[in-house]
Structures are given as C-alpha cells and as structure tokens.
Amino acid sequence: MGINFDEIKKKAQDALSKNSDKVEQGLDKASGFAKSKFGNKSDQIDSATKKAKNFLHKSAGDEGGQPGQGGPQGPQNPQGPQGPQNP
C-alpha cells in the first residue's frame, strides 16, 4: 500500500481549477496586507504575487488564459490593489 501522488496531484489541480478565483482573491488580499506592513518592498510583493498567479493558472490547467493580466498590476489597476503606496 503506497501513496498515489498522481491521484493527489489530480485532486489538487481539480480543486485549484474550480476555486482559482477564490485563490486569486486570497493572493490579492495577502499582497495588500504585505504592502501595508512592508510598503517599501511593494515591487517585490507585486512580483511574487504575479508569479504565484502564473503558477496558479499553470497548475490549474488554465493554459489558454492570460495569467497575471487581471492581478495586482493588471491593466485596470497598475498601482496594485491598494492604489499608490507611500514608502
């Protein structure tokens, strides 16, 4: 009796694909909180958030989408979810 990692991976991918919008919202909230505490590192926080969203879309099998386009540095809000920050 062993652990079937392929089955676990498939279940995780299914959960991500069904809830990717909620995971993205969580990433945005975490990013906003981190910026409120470490505003002088906002560029690094935005970069990490973008990478996490890209990974989320790749892991969820969202190959046809445009990962990271609607995120904290997306076209609608280039300053991030909290707007301009004063370092």
PDB file of N, CA and C in Angstrom:
ATOM      1  N   MET A   1       0.849  -1.167   0.000  1.00  0.00           N
ATOM      2  CA  MET A   1       0.000   0.000   0.000  1.00  0.00           C
ATOM      3  C   MET A   1       0.901   1.238   0.000  1.00  0.00           C
ATOM      4  N   GLY A   2       0.796   2.021  -1.050  1.00  0.00           N
ATOM      5  CA  GLY A   2       1.606   3.218  -1.163  1.00  0.00           C
ATOM      6  C   GLY A   2       0.743   4.448  -1.398  1.00  0.00           C
ATOM      7  N   ILE A   3       1.407   5.562  -1.421  1.00  0.00           N
ATOM      8  CA  ILE A   3       0.715   6.825  -1.661  1.00  0.00           C
ATOM      9  C   ILE A   3       0.704   7.072  -3.164  1.00  0.00           C
ATOM     10  N   ASN A   4      -0.464   7.341  -3.708  1.00  0.00           N
ATOM     11  CA  ASN A   4      -0.611   7.618  -5.121  1.00  0.00           C
ATOM     12  C   ASN A   4      -0.523   9.140  -5.334  1.00  0.00           C
ATOM     13  N   PHE A   5       0.693   9.613  -5.610  1.00  0.00           N
ATOM     14  CA  PHE A   5       0.908  11.042  -5.750  1.00  0.00           C
ATOM     15  C   PHE A   5       0.228  11.611  -6.993  1.00  0.00           C
ATOM     16  N   ASP A   6       0.084  10.809  -8.035  1.00  0.00           N
ATOM     17  CA  ASP A   6      -0.611  11.277  -9.227  1.00  0.00           C
ATOM     18  C   ASP A   6      -2.071  11.588  -8.921  1.00  0.00           C
ATOM     19  N   GLU A   7      -2.692  10.745  -8.093  1.00  0.00           N
ATOM     20  CA  GLU A   7      -4.088  10.980  -7.703  1.00  0.00           C
ATOM     21  C   GLU A   7      -4.197  12.249  -6.850  1.00  0.00           C
ATOM     22  N   ILE A   8      -3.274  12.437  -5.938  1.00  0.00           N
ATOM     23  CA  ILE A   8      -3.271  13.630  -5.089  1.00  0.00           C
ATOM     24  C   ILE A   8      -3.068  14.875  -5.950  1.00  0.00           C
ATOM     25  N   LYS A   9      -2.145  14.801  -6.897  1.00  0.00           N
ATOM     26  CA  LYS A   9      -1.885  15.931  -7.793  1.00  0.00           C
ATOM     27  C   LYS A   9      -3.132  16.275  -8.597  1.00  0.00           C
ATOM     28  N   LYS A  10      -3.812  15.260  -9.115  1.00  0.00           N
ATOM     29  CA  LYS A  10      -5.031  15.491  -9.902  1.00  0.00           C
ATOM     30  C   LYS A  10      -6.111  16.149  -9.053  1.00  0.00           C
ATOM     31  N   LYS A  11      -6.270  15.683  -7.815  1.00  0.00           N
ATOM     32  CA  LYS A  11      -7.269  16.276  -6.928  1.00  0.00           C
ATOM     33  C   LYS A  11      -6.937  17.735  -6.619  1.00  0.00           C
ATOM     34  N   ALA A  12      -5.660  18.024  -6.412  1.00  0.00           N
ATOM     35  CA  ALA A  12      -5.241  19.404  -6.142  1.00  0.00           C
ATOM     36  C   ALA A  12      -5.490  20.288  -7.357  1.00  0.00           C
ATOM     37  N   GLN A  13      -5.183  19.792  -8.555  1.00  0.00           N
ATOM     38  CA  GLN A  13      -5.420  20.558  -9.770  1.00  0.00           C
ATOM     39  C   GLN A  13      -6.912  20.806  -9.972  1.00  0.00           C
ATOM     40  N   ASP A  14      -7.738  19.803  -9.696  1.00  0.00           N
ATOM     41  CA  ASP A  14      -9.187  19.975  -9.813  1.00  0.00           C
ATOM     42  C   ASP A  14      -9.685  21.046  -8.840  1.00  0.00           C
ATOM     43  N   ALA A  15      -9.193  20.996  -7.604  1.00  0.00           N
ATOM     44  CA  ALA A  15      -9.609  21.984  -6.604  1.00  0.00           C
ATOM     45  C   ALA A  15      -9.172  23.387  -7.016  1.00  0.00           C
ATOM     46  N   LEU A  16      -7.956  23.518  -7.547  1.00  0.00           N
ATOM     47  CA  LEU A  16      -7.480  24.820  -7.996  1.00  0.00           C
ATOM     48  C   LEU A  16      -8.305  25.341  -9.164  1.00  0.00           C
ATOM     49  N   SER A  17      -8.609  24.464 -10.114  1.00  0.00           N
ATOM     50  CA  SER A  17      -9.361  24.925 -11.285  1.00  0.00           C
ATOM     51  C   SER A  17     -10.775  25.334 -10.900  1.00  0.00           C
ATOM     52  N   LYS A  18     -11.371  24.675  -9.929  1.00  0.00           N
ATOM     53  CA  LYS A  18     -12.729  25.020  -9.503  1.00  0.00           C
ATOM     54  C   LYS A  18     -12.755  26.270  -8.632  1.00  0.00           C
ATOM     55  N   ASN A  19     -11.664  26.566  -7.944  1.00  0.00           N
ATOM     56  CA  ASN A  19     -11.626  27.674  -6.983  1.00  0.00           C
ATOM     57  C   ASN A  19     -10.542  28.693  -7.276  1.00  0.00           C
ATOM     58  N   SER A  20     -10.070  28.765  -8.513  1.00  0.00           N
ATOM     59  CA  SER A  20      -8.948  29.649  -8.817  1.00  0.00           C
ATOM     60  C   SER A  20      -9.288  31.113  -8.548  1.00  0.00           C
ATOM     61  N   ASP A  21     -10.549  31.505  -8.747  1.00  0.00           N
ATOM     62  CA  ASP A  21     -10.922  32.886  -8.471  1.00  0.00           C
ATOM     63  C   ASP A  21     -10.803  33.211  -6.983  1.00  0.00           C
ATOM     64  N   LYS A  22     -11.153  32.271  -6.138  1.00  0.00           N
ATOM     65  CA  LYS A  22     -11.039  32.479  -4.689  1.00  0.00           C
ATOM     66  C   LYS A  22      -9.578  32.511  -4.251  1.00  0.00           C
ATOM     67  N   VAL A  23      -8.765  31.656  -4.866  1.00  0.00           N
ATOM     68  CA  VAL A  23      -7.339  31.641  -4.542  1.00  0.00           C
ATOM     69  C   VAL A  23      -6.712  32.968  -4.966  1.00  0.00           C
ATOM     70  N   GLU A  24      -7.109  33.477  -6.147  1.00  0.00           N
ATOM     71  CA  GLU A  24      -6.591  34.761  -6.615  1.00  0.00           C
ATOM     72  C   GLU A  24      -6.990  35.885  -5.680  1.00  0.00           C
ATOM     73  N   GLN A  25      -8.227  35.858  -5.196  1.00  0.00           N
ATOM     74  CA  GLN A  25      -8.665  36.873  -4.234  1.00  0.00           C
ATOM     75  C   GLN A  25      -7.817  36.816  -2.964  1.00  0.00           C
ATOM     76  N   GLY A  26      -7.508  35.613  -2.523  1.00  0.00           N
ATOM     77  CA  GLY A  26      -6.652  35.448  -1.352  1.00  0.00           C
ATOM     78  C   GLY A  26      -5.258  35.991  -1.588  1.00  0.00           C
ATOM     79  N   LEU A  27      -4.729  35.755  -2.777  1.00  0.00           N
ATOM     80  CA  LEU A  27      -3.405  36.293  -3.118  1.00  0.00           C
ATOM     81  C   LEU A  27      -3.433  37.820  -3.114  1.00  0.00           C
ATOM     82  N   ASP A  28      -4.501  38.409  -3.658  1.00  0.00           N
ATOM     83  CA  ASP A  28      -4.621  39.867  -3.664  1.00  0.00           C
ATOM     84  C   ASP A  28      -4.713  40.429  -2.248  1.00  0.00           C
ATOM     85  N   LYS A  29      -5.485  39.763  -1.390  1.00  0.00           N
ATOM     86  CA  LYS A  29      -5.603  40.222  -0.006  1.00  0.00           C
ATOM     87  C   LYS A  29      -4.267  40.113   0.720  1.00  0.00           C
ATOM     88  N   ALA A  30      -3.573  38.992   0.512  1.00  0.00           N
ATOM     89  CA  ALA A  30      -2.265  38.812   1.150  1.00  0.00           C
ATOM     90  C   ALA A  30      -1.278  39.857   0.655  1.00  0.00           C
ATOM     91  N   SER A  31      -1.337  40.147  -0.633  1.00  0.00           N
ATOM     92  CA  SER A  31      -0.459  41.161  -1.211  1.00  0.00           C
ATOM     93  C   SER A  31      -0.739  42.527  -0.602  1.00  0.00           C
ATOM     94  N   GLY A  32      -2.012  42.874  -0.489  1.00  0.00           N
ATOM     95  CA  GLY A  32      -2.381  44.157   0.112  1.00  0.00           C
ATOM     96  C   GLY A  32      -1.929  44.265   1.559  1.00  0.00           C
ATOM     97  N   PHE A  33      -2.079  43.187   2.309  1.00  0.00           N
ATOM     98  CA  PHE A  33      -1.637  43.183   3.703  1.00  0.00           C
ATOM     99  C   PHE A  33      -0.119  43.346   3.788  1.00  0.00           C
ATOM    100  N   ALA A  34       0.595  42.602   2.953  1.00  0.00           N
ATOM    101  CA  ALA A  34       2.065  42.689   2.966  1.00  0.00           C
ATOM    102  C   ALA A  34       2.520  44.102   2.610  1.00  0.00           C
ATOM    103  N   LYS A  35       1.844  44.723   1.647  1.00  0.00           N
ATOM    104  CA  LYS A  35       2.201  46.093   1.272  1.00  0.00           C
ATOM    105  C   LYS A  35       1.926  47.075   2.408  1.00  0.00           C
ATOM    106  N   SER A  36       0.864  46.823   3.183  1.00  0.00           N
ATOM    107  CA  SER A  36       0.564  47.722   4.293  1.00  0.00           C
ATOM    108  C   SER A  36       1.634  47.632   5.379  1.00  0.00           C
ATOM    109  N   LYS A  37       2.282  46.471   5.501  1.00  0.00           N
ATOM    110  CA  LYS A  37       3.320  46.293   6.509  1.00  0.00           C
ATOM    111  C   LYS A  37       4.712  46.616   5.970  1.00  0.00           C
ATOM    112  N   PHE A  38       4.931  46.323   4.685  1.00  0.00           N
ATOM    113  CA  PHE A  38       6.255  46.481   4.094  1.00  0.00           C
ATOM    114  C   PHE A  38       6.141  47.249   2.773  1.00  0.00           C
ATOM    115  N   GLY A  39       5.591  48.456   2.822  1.00  0.00           N
ATOM    116  CA  GLY A  39       5.347  49.264   1.634  1.00  0.00           C
ATOM    117  C   GLY A  39       6.584  49.530   0.803  1.00  0.00           C
ATOM    118  N   ASN A  40       7.750  49.587   1.451  1.00  0.00           N
ATOM    119  CA  ASN A  40       8.982  49.842   0.716  1.00  0.00           C
ATOM    120  C   ASN A  40       9.406  48.652  -0.138  1.00  0.00           C
ATOM    121  N   LYS A  41       8.743  47.525   0.020  1.00  0.00           N
ATOM    122  CA  LYS A  41       9.051  46.315  -0.762  1.00  0.00           C
ATOM    123  C   LYS A  41       7.924  45.995  -1.748  1.00  0.00           C
ATOM    124  N   SER A  42       7.113  46.992  -2.108  1.00  0.00           N
ATOM    125  CA  SER A  42       5.918  46.732  -2.913  1.00  0.00           C
ATOM    126  C   SER A  42       6.247  46.131  -4.278  1.00  0.00           C
ATOM    127  N   ASP A  43       7.366  46.510  -4.872  1.00  0.00           N
ATOM    128  CA  ASP A  43       7.736  45.927  -6.169  1.00  0.00           C
ATOM    129  C   ASP A  43       7.981  44.423  -6.048  1.00  0.00           C
ATOM    130  N   GLN A  44       8.678  44.021  -4.993  1.00  0.00           N
ATOM    131  CA  GLN A  44       8.936  42.593  -4.787  1.00  0.00           C
ATOM    132  C   GLN A  44       7.648  41.838  -4.446  1.00  0.00           C
ATOM    133  N   ILE A  45       6.766  42.474  -3.697  1.00  0.00           N
ATOM    134  CA  ILE A  45       5.496  41.849  -3.346  1.00  0.00           C
ATOM    135  C   ILE A  45       4.657  41.648  -4.610  1.00  0.00           C
ATOM    136  N   ASP A  46       4.601  42.675  -5.456  1.00  0.00           N
ATOM    137  CA  ASP A  46       3.856  42.556  -6.720  1.00  0.00           C
ATOM    138  C   ASP A  46       4.440  41.455  -7.596  1.00  0.00           C
ATOM    139  N   SER A  47       5.760  41.370  -7.647  1.00  0.00           N
ATOM    140  CA  SER A  47       6.415  40.344  -8.455  1.00  0.00           C
ATOM    141  C   SER A  47       6.085  38.943  -7.941  1.00  0.00           C
ATOM    142  N   ALA A  48       6.141  38.771  -6.636  1.00  0.00           N
ATOM    143  CA  ALA A  48       5.832  37.465  -6.047  1.00  0.00           C
ATOM    144  C   ALA A  48       4.365  37.104  -6.270  1.00  0.00           C
ATOM    145  N   THR A  49       3.474  38.078  -6.161  1.00  0.00           N
ATOM    146  CA  THR A  49       2.050  37.832  -6.391  1.00  0.00           C
ATOM    147  C   THR A  49       1.801  37.433  -7.837  1.00  0.00           C
ATOM    148  N   LYS A  50       2.451  38.113  -8.756  1.00  0.00           N
ATOM    149  CA  LYS A  50       2.294  37.783 -10.181  1.00  0.00           C
ATOM    150  C   LYS A  50       2.797  36.363 -10.463  1.00  0.00           C
ATOM    151  N   LYS A  51       3.936  36.007  -9.886  1.00  0.00           N
ATOM    152  CA  LYS A  51       4.474  34.657 -10.076  1.00  0.00           C
ATOM    153  C   LYS A  51       3.540  33.605  -9.488  1.00  0.00           C
ATOM    154  N   ALA A  52       2.965  33.901  -8.326  1.00  0.00           N
ATOM    155  CA  ALA A  52       2.040  32.961  -7.698  1.00  0.00           C
ATOM    156  C   ALA A  52       0.795  32.771  -8.562  1.00  0.00           C
ATOM    157  N   LYS A  53       0.298  33.851  -9.139  1.00  0.00           N
ATOM    158  CA  LYS A  53      -0.879  33.748 -10.008  1.00  0.00           C
ATOM    159  C   LYS A  53      -0.555  32.981 -11.284  1.00  0.00           C
ATOM    160  N   ASN A  54       0.612  33.225 -11.850  1.00  0.00           N
ATOM    161  CA  ASN A  54       1.022  32.468 -13.034  1.00  0.00           C
ATOM    162  C   ASN A  54       1.104  30.982 -12.713  1.00  0.00           C
ATOM    163  N   PHE A  55       1.680  30.648 -11.569  1.00  0.00           N
ATOM    164  CA  PHE A  55       1.771  29.253 -11.142  1.00  0.00           C
ATOM    165  C   PHE A  55       0.383  28.667 -10.911  1.00  0.00           C
ATOM    166  N   LEU A  56      -0.496  29.459 -10.313  1.00  0.00           N
ATOM    167  CA  LEU A  56      -1.868  29.018 -10.070  1.00  0.00           C
ATOM    168  C   LEU A  56      -2.551  28.633 -11.378  1.00  0.00           C
ATOM    169  N   HIS A  57      -2.453  29.489 -12.368  1.00  0.00           N
ATOM    170  CA  HIS A  57      -3.103  29.221 -13.646  1.00  0.00           C
ATOM    171  C   HIS A  57      -2.467  28.032 -14.361  1.00  0.00           C
ATOM    172  N   LYS A  58      -1.165  27.918 -14.260  1.00  0.00           N
ATOM    173  CA  LYS A  58      -0.476  26.781 -14.885  1.00  0.00           C
ATOM    174  C   LYS A  58      -0.864  25.480 -14.192  1.00  0.00           C
ATOM    175  N   SER A  59      -0.894  25.488 -12.871  1.00  0.00           N
ATOM    176  CA  SER A  59      -1.232  24.290 -12.096  1.00  0.00           C
ATOM    177  C   SER A  59      -2.685  23.886 -12.275  1.00  0.00           C
ATOM    178  N   ALA A  60      -3.551  24.870 -12.477  1.00  0.00           N
ATOM    179  CA  ALA A  60      -4.967  24.587 -12.633  1.00  0.00           C
ATOM    180  C   ALA A  60      -5.292  24.152 -14.055  1.00  0.00           C
ATOM    181  N   GLY A  61      -4.286  24.130 -14.932  1.00  0.00           N
ATOM    182  CA  GLY A  61      -4.510  23.723 -16.313  1.00  0.00           C
ATOM    183  C   GLY A  61      -5.138  24.814 -17.140  1.00  0.00           C
ATOM    184  N   ASP A  62      -4.956  26.050 -16.749  1.00  0.00           N
ATOM    185  CA  ASP A  62      -5.532  27.199 -17.438  1.00  0.00           C
ATOM    186  C   ASP A  62      -4.578  27.671 -18.527  1.00  0.00           C
ATOM    187  N   GLU A  63      -4.272  26.799 -19.458  1.00  0.00           N
ATOM    188  CA  GLU A  63      -3.262  27.083 -20.474  1.00  0.00           C
ATOM    189  C   GLU A  63      -3.679  28.191 -21.431  1.00  0.00           C
ATOM    190  N   GLY A  64      -4.966  28.288 -21.771  1.00  0.00           N
ATOM    191  CA  GLY A  64      -5.414  29.249 -22.768  1.00  0.00           C
ATOM    192  C   GLY A  64      -5.593  30.652 -22.232  1.00  0.00           C
ATOM    193  N   GLY A  65      -5.619  30.822 -20.917  1.00  0.00           N
ATOM    194  CA  GLY A  65      -5.867  32.132 -20.329  1.00  0.00           C
ATOM    195  C   GLY A  65      -4.646  33.013 -20.351  1.00  0.00           C
ATOM    196  N   GLN A  66      -4.815  34.188 -19.834  1.00  0.00           N
ATOM    197  CA  GLN A  66      -3.738  35.160 -19.731  1.00  0.00           C
ATOM    198  C   GLN A  66      -3.410  35.355 -18.265  1.00  0.00           C
ATOM    199  N   PRO A  67      -2.623  34.451 -17.657  1.00  0.00           N
ATOM    200  CA  PRO A  67      -2.346  34.576 -16.233  1.00  0.00           C
ATOM    201  C   PRO A  67      -1.656  35.883 -15.890  1.00  0.00           C
ATOM    202  N   GLY A  68      -2.066  36.450 -14.776  1.00  0.00           N
ATOM    203  CA  GLY A  68      -1.431  37.663 -14.283  1.00  0.00           C
ATOM    204  C   GLY A  68      -1.963  38.937 -14.893  1.00  0.00           C
ATOM    205  N   GLN A  69      -2.875  38.876 -15.873  1.00  0.00           N
ATOM    206  CA  GLN A  69      -3.342  40.083 -16.522  1.00  0.00           C
ATOM    207  C   GLN A  69      -4.333  40.866 -15.669  1.00  0.00           C
ATOM    208  N   GLY A  70      -5.096  40.217 -14.846  1.00  0.00           N
ATOM    209  CA  GLY A  70      -6.074  40.931 -14.039  1.00  0.00           C
ATOM    210  C   GLY A  70      -5.643  41.078 -12.605  1.00  0.00           C
ATOM    211  N   GLY A  71      -4.406  40.785 -12.299  1.00  0.00           N
ATOM    212  CA  GLY A  71      -3.919  40.774 -10.930  1.00  0.00           C
ATOM    213  C   GLY A  71      -3.580  42.135 -10.397  1.00  0.00           C
ATOM    214  N   PRO A  72      -2.720  42.170  -9.414  1.00  0.00           N
ATOM    215  CA  PRO A  72      -2.440  43.423  -8.733  1.00  0.00           C
ATOM    216  C   PRO A  72      -1.787  44.461  -9.618  1.00  0.00           C
ATOM    217  N   GLN A  73      -1.157  44.057 -10.721  1.00  0.00           N
ATOM    218  CA  GLN A  73      -0.550  45.007 -11.637  1.00  0.00           C
ATOM    219  C   GLN A  73      -1.214  44.921 -13.000  1.00  0.00           C
ATOM    220  N   GLY A  74      -2.442  44.472 -13.049  1.00  0.00           N
ATOM    221  CA  GLY A  74      -3.152  44.315 -14.304  1.00  0.00           C
ATOM    222  C   GLY A  74      -3.469  45.649 -14.934  1.00  0.00           C
ATOM    223  N   PRO A  75      -4.028  45.642 -16.135  1.00  0.00           N
ATOM    224  CA  PRO A  75      -4.273  46.871 -16.864  1.00  0.00           C
ATOM    225  C   PRO A  75      -5.257  47.811 -16.168  1.00  0.00           C
ATOM    226  N   GLN A  76      -6.205  47.276 -15.402  1.00  0.00           N
ATOM    227  CA  GLN A  76      -7.177  48.132 -14.747  1.00  0.00           C
ATOM    228  C   GLN A  76      -6.608  48.852 -13.532  1.00  0.00           C
ATOM    229  N   ASN A  77      -5.588  48.288 -12.902  1.00  0.00           N
ATOM    230  CA  ASN A  77      -5.080  48.847 -11.658  1.00  0.00           C
ATOM    231  C   ASN A  77      -3.557  48.710 -11.605  1.00  0.00           C
ATOM    232  N   PRO A  78      -2.831  49.521 -12.369  1.00  0.00           N
ATOM    233  CA  PRO A  78      -1.375  49.349 -12.434  1.00  0.00           C
ATOM    234  C   PRO A  78      -0.653  49.658 -11.129  1.00  0.00           C
ATOM    235  N   GLN A  79      -1.316  50.292 -10.172  1.00  0.00           N
ATOM    236  CA  GLN A  79      -0.677  50.650  -8.920  1.00  0.00           C
ATOM    237  C   GLN A  79      -0.819  49.564  -7.860  1.00  0.00           C
ATOM    238  N   GLY A  80      -1.547  48.498  -8.141  1.00  0.00           N
ATOM    239  CA  GLY A  80      -1.760  47.434  -7.162  1.00  0.00           C
ATOM    240  C   GLY A  80      -3.134  47.549  -6.535  1.00  0.00           C
ATOM    241  N   PRO A  81      -3.525  46.566  -5.717  1.00  0.00           N
ATOM    242  CA  PRO A  81      -4.886  46.537  -5.173  1.00  0.00           C
ATOM    243  C   PRO A  81      -5.181  47.662  -4.191  1.00  0.00           C
ATOM    244  N   GLN A  82      -4.167  48.245  -3.575  1.00  0.00           N
ATOM    245  CA  GLN A  82      -4.384  49.282  -2.593  1.00  0.00           C
ATOM    246  C   GLN A  82      -4.151  50.680  -3.150  1.00  0.00           C
ATOM    247  N   GLY A  83      -3.828  50.782  -4.443  1.00  0.00           N
ATOM    248  CA  GLY A  83      -3.511  52.089  -5.022  1.00  0.00           C
ATOM    249  C   GLY A  83      -2.083  52.476  -4.693  1.00  0.00           C
ATOM    250  N   PRO A  84      -1.756  53.747  -4.926  1.00  0.00           N
ATOM    251  CA  PRO A  84      -0.366  54.183  -4.671  1.00  0.00           C
ATOM    252  C   PRO A  84      -0.007  54.064  -3.202  1.00  0.00           C
ATOM    253  N   GLN A  85       1.208  53.617  -2.947  1.00  0.00           N
ATOM    254  CA  GLN A  85       1.691  53.466  -1.576  1.00  0.00           C
ATOM    255  C   GLN A  85       2.753  54.526  -1.299  1.00  0.00           C
ATOM    256  N   ASN A  86       2.739  55.085  -0.123  1.00  0.00           N
ATOM    257  CA  ASN A  86       3.791  55.993   0.286  1.00  0.00           C
ATOM    258  C   ASN A  86       4.821  55.220   1.089  1.00  0.00           C
ATOM    259  N   PRO A  87       6.013  55.037   0.523  1.00  0.00           N
ATOM    260  CA  PRO A  87       7.029  54.241   1.253  1.00  0.00           C
ATOM    261  C   PRO A  87       7.515  54.885   2.507  1.00  0.00           C
TER     262      PRO A  87
END
